[in-house]
C-alpha atoms as a PDB file:
ATOM      1  CA  GLN A   1      24.147 -13.712 -27.156  1.00  0.00           C
ATOM      2  CA  VAL A   2      20.608 -14.084 -26.032  1.00  0.00           C
ATOM      3  CA  GLN A   3      18.501 -11.238 -24.569  1.00  0.00           C
ATOM      4  CA  LEU A   4      15.786 -11.714 -22.206  1.00  0.00           C
ATOM      5  CA  GLU A   5      13.052  -9.038 -21.686  1.00  0.00           C
ATOM      6  CA  GLU A   6      11.036  -9.440 -18.261  1.00  0.00           C
ATOM      7  CA  SER A   7       7.696  -7.583 -17.165  1.00  0.00           C
ATOM      8  CA  GLY A   8       5.230  -7.923 -15.064  1.00  0.00           C
ATOM      9  CA  GLY A   9       6.272  -7.479 -11.533  1.00  0.00           C
ATOM     10  CA  ALA A  10       4.286  -5.346  -9.130  1.00  0.00           C
ATOM     11  CA  SER A  11       3.564  -4.972  -5.646  1.00  0.00           C
ATOM     12  CA  VAL A  12       0.426  -6.506  -4.473  1.00  0.00           C
ATOM     13  CA  ARG A  13      -1.739  -7.688  -1.722  1.00  0.00           C
ATOM     14  CA  VAL A  14      -2.024 -11.256  -0.204  1.00  0.00           C
ATOM     15  CA  GLY A  15      -4.334 -13.277  -2.573  1.00  0.00           C
ATOM     16  CA  GLU A  16      -3.792 -11.012  -5.565  1.00  0.00           C
ATOM     17  CA  SER A  17      -2.461 -12.474  -8.980  1.00  0.00           C
ATOM     18  CA  LEU A  18       0.245 -11.391 -11.303  1.00  0.00           C
ATOM     19  CA  ASN A  19       1.417 -12.593 -14.519  1.00  0.00           C
ATOM     20  CA  LEU A  20       5.203 -12.413 -15.573  1.00  0.00           C
ATOM     21  CA  SER A  21       6.166 -12.559 -19.093  1.00  0.00           C
ATOM     22  CA  CYS A  22       9.891 -12.705 -20.483  1.00  0.00           C
ATOM     23  CA  ARG A  23      10.374 -12.653 -24.257  1.00  0.00           C
ATOM     24  CA  ALA A  24      13.783 -14.123 -25.587  1.00  0.00           C
ATOM     25  CA  SER A  25      15.545 -12.816 -28.376  1.00  0.00           C
ATOM     26  CA  GLU A  26      16.117 -16.017 -29.736  1.00  0.00           C
ATOM     27  CA  SER A  27      13.800 -18.841 -31.124  1.00  0.00           C
ATOM     28  CA  VAL A  28      12.244 -21.159 -28.992  1.00  0.00           C
ATOM     29  CA  VAL A  29      13.356 -23.804 -31.378  1.00  0.00           C
ATOM     30  CA  ARG A  30      16.863 -23.456 -30.048  1.00  0.00           C
ATOM     31  CA  ILE A  31      16.049 -23.506 -26.646  1.00  0.00           C
ATOM     32  CA  GLN A  32      16.079 -26.171 -24.271  1.00  0.00           C
ATOM     33  CA  ASN A  33      14.558 -24.723 -21.010  1.00  0.00           C
ATOM     34  CA  MET A  34      12.845 -21.753 -20.043  1.00  0.00           C
ATOM     35  CA  ALA A  35      12.152 -21.273 -16.571  1.00  0.00           C
ATOM     36  CA  TRP A  36      11.627 -18.802 -13.667  1.00  0.00           C
ATOM     37  CA  TYR A  37      13.603 -18.678 -10.537  1.00  0.00           C
ATOM     38  CA  ARG A  38      13.536 -16.300  -7.796  1.00  0.00           C
ATOM     39  CA  GLN A  39      15.533 -14.879  -5.115  1.00  0.00           C
ATOM     40  CA  ALA A  40      14.631 -13.385  -1.945  1.00  0.00           C
ATOM     41  CA  PRO A  41      16.926 -11.282   0.377  1.00  0.00           C
ATOM     42  CA  GLY A  42      19.170 -13.542   2.316  1.00  0.00           C
ATOM     43  CA  LYS A  43      18.228 -16.563   0.621  1.00  0.00           C
ATOM     44  CA  GLU A  44      19.553 -18.402  -2.581  1.00  0.00           C
ATOM     45  CA  ARG A  45      17.900 -18.437  -5.951  1.00  0.00           C
ATOM     46  CA  GLU A  46      15.542 -21.426  -6.536  1.00  0.00           C
ATOM     47  CA  MET A  47      13.732 -22.564  -9.346  1.00  0.00           C
ATOM     48  CA  VAL A  48      10.046 -21.549  -9.371  1.00  0.00           C
ATOM     49  CA  ALA A  49       8.834 -23.216 -12.597  1.00  0.00           C
ATOM     50  CA  ARG A  50      10.455 -25.000 -15.695  1.00  0.00           C
ATOM     51  CA  ILE A  51       8.653 -25.748 -19.124  1.00  0.00           C
ATOM     52  CA  ARG A  52      11.076 -28.260 -20.993  1.00  0.00           C
ATOM     53  CA  ARG A  53      11.444 -28.223 -24.957  1.00  0.00           C
ATOM     54  CA  GLY A  54       8.966 -30.736 -25.130  1.00  0.00           C
ATOM     55  CA  GLY A  55       6.427 -28.877 -22.893  1.00  0.00           C
ATOM     56  CA  THR A  56       6.923 -30.914 -19.641  1.00  0.00           C
ATOM     57  CA  LYS A  57       6.533 -28.500 -16.873  1.00  0.00           C
ATOM     58  CA  ASP A  58       7.964 -28.679 -13.356  1.00  0.00           C
ATOM     59  CA  TYR A  59       7.065 -26.818 -10.080  1.00  0.00           C
ATOM     60  CA  ALA A  60       8.478 -25.859  -7.044  1.00  0.00           C
ATOM     61  CA  ASP A  61       6.526 -27.401  -4.259  1.00  0.00           C
ATOM     62  CA  SER A  62       5.724 -24.295  -2.708  1.00  0.00           C
ATOM     63  CA  VAL A  63       3.939 -22.755  -5.885  1.00  0.00           C
ATOM     64  CA  MET A  64       2.189 -26.158  -6.960  1.00  0.00           C
ATOM     65  CA  GLY A  65      -1.057 -25.422  -7.603  1.00  0.00           C
ATOM     66  CA  ARG A  66      -0.980 -21.703  -7.622  1.00  0.00           C
ATOM     67  CA  PHE A  67       1.487 -20.646 -10.717  1.00  0.00           C
ATOM     68  CA  THR A  68       1.094 -21.745 -13.790  1.00  0.00           C
ATOM     69  CA  ILE A  69       4.236 -21.561 -16.409  1.00  0.00           C
ATOM     70  CA  SER A  70       3.254 -21.421 -20.194  1.00  0.00           C
ATOM     71  CA  ARG A  71       4.923 -20.615 -23.434  1.00  0.00           C
ATOM     72  CA  ASP A  72       3.829 -18.733 -26.704  1.00  0.00           C
ATOM     73  CA  ASN A  73       6.436 -20.461 -29.581  1.00  0.00           C
ATOM     74  CA  ALA A  74       5.457 -17.494 -31.727  1.00  0.00           C
ATOM     75  CA  LYS A  75       6.353 -14.664 -29.447  1.00  0.00           C
ATOM     76  CA  ASN A  76       9.421 -16.765 -27.985  1.00  0.00           C
ATOM     77  CA  THR A  77       7.775 -15.828 -24.766  1.00  0.00           C
ATOM     78  CA  VAL A  78       7.542 -17.479 -21.318  1.00  0.00           C
ATOM     79  CA  TYR A  79       4.667 -16.717 -18.772  1.00  0.00           C
ATOM     80  CA  LEU A  80       4.303 -17.290 -15.380  1.00  0.00           C
ATOM     81  CA  GLN A  81       0.854 -16.708 -13.769  1.00  0.00           C
ATOM     82  CA  MET A  82       0.940 -16.754 -10.049  1.00  0.00           C
ATOM     83  CA  ASN A  83      -2.276 -16.771  -8.091  1.00  0.00           C
ATOM     84  CA  GLY A  84      -3.439 -16.886  -4.252  1.00  0.00           C
ATOM     85  CA  LEU A  85       0.004 -14.698  -3.953  1.00  0.00           C
ATOM     86  CA  LYS A  86       1.751 -15.122  -0.460  1.00  0.00           C
ATOM     87  CA  PRO A  87       4.196 -12.671   1.463  1.00  0.00           C
ATOM     88  CA  GLU A  88       6.781 -15.569   1.045  1.00  0.00           C
ATOM     89  CA  ASP A  89       6.278 -14.831  -2.487  1.00  0.00           C
ATOM     90  CA  THR A  90       8.111 -11.936  -2.413  1.00  0.00           C
ATOM     91  CA  ALA A  91      11.335 -11.955  -3.935  1.00  0.00           C
ATOM     92  CA  MET A  92      13.070 -10.814  -7.270  1.00  0.00           C
ATOM     93  CA  TYR A  93      12.190 -13.471 -10.168  1.00  0.00           C
ATOM     94  CA  TYR A  94      14.377 -14.291 -12.788  1.00  0.00           C
ATOM     95  CA  CYS A  95      13.786 -15.692 -16.193  1.00  0.00           C
ATOM     96  CA  PHE A  96      16.276 -18.476 -17.504  1.00  0.00           C
ATOM     97  CA  VAL A  97      16.755 -20.102 -20.812  1.00  0.00           C
ATOM     98  CA  ASP A  98      19.489 -22.748 -21.900  1.00  0.00           C
ATOM     99  CA  LEU A  99      20.222 -23.335 -25.382  1.00  0.00           C
ATOM    100  CA  ILE A 100      20.186 -26.746 -26.874  1.00  0.00           C
ATOM    101  CA  PHE A 101      23.109 -26.917 -28.991  1.00  0.00           C
ATOM    102  CA  THR A 102      25.541 -25.040 -27.027  1.00  0.00           C
ATOM    103  CA  GLY A 103      24.134 -25.411 -23.311  1.00  0.00           C
ATOM    104  CA  ARG A 104      25.046 -21.898 -22.759  1.00  0.00           C
ATOM    105  CA  ALA A 105      22.645 -20.318 -20.080  1.00  0.00           C
ATOM    106  CA  TYR A 106      21.014 -16.789 -19.932  1.00  0.00           C
ATOM    107  CA  TRP A 107      19.476 -14.846 -17.279  1.00  0.00           C
ATOM    108  CA  GLY A 108      17.294 -11.702 -17.548  1.00  0.00           C
ATOM    109  CA  GLN A 109      17.577  -8.667 -15.617  1.00  0.00           C
ATOM    110  CA  GLY A 110      14.950  -9.680 -12.752  1.00  0.00           C
ATOM    111  CA  THR A 111      11.558  -8.238 -11.916  1.00  0.00           C
ATOM    112  CA  GLN A 112      10.293  -7.549  -8.541  1.00  0.00           C
ATOM    113  CA  VAL A 113       7.393  -8.940  -6.867  1.00  0.00           C
ATOM    114  CA  THR A 114       6.383  -7.998  -3.546  1.00  0.00           C
ATOM    115  CA  VAL A 115       3.125  -9.468  -1.884  1.00  0.00           C
ATOM    116  CA  SER A 116       2.033  -7.405   1.143  1.00  0.00           C
ATOM    117  CA  SER A 117      -0.675  -8.464   3.695  1.00  0.00           C
END
């Protein structure tokens, strides 16, 4: 069982920045992907950003150029730096990891981001 501890969500104004973090109880050497998803009320959960084991990064079109995903292997932690926040970024943000050998996936409990104008 992998535990994911998220932090960093807050209520901010348009244009401001936030940095989300997610620390995994499993070593990153056993993790295939680390990602951030979000889910707004009434909408499906969507991937925001992903960093693969080899370091390749993927972003949703809606956050490209504004959000940056990074990873600290020594801390087993993935970060999501969010700049230029917009009201449409308001959502619950979830950390996600899946393991190399088992393929099992794990989700964090979520951290709320609210952007107001």
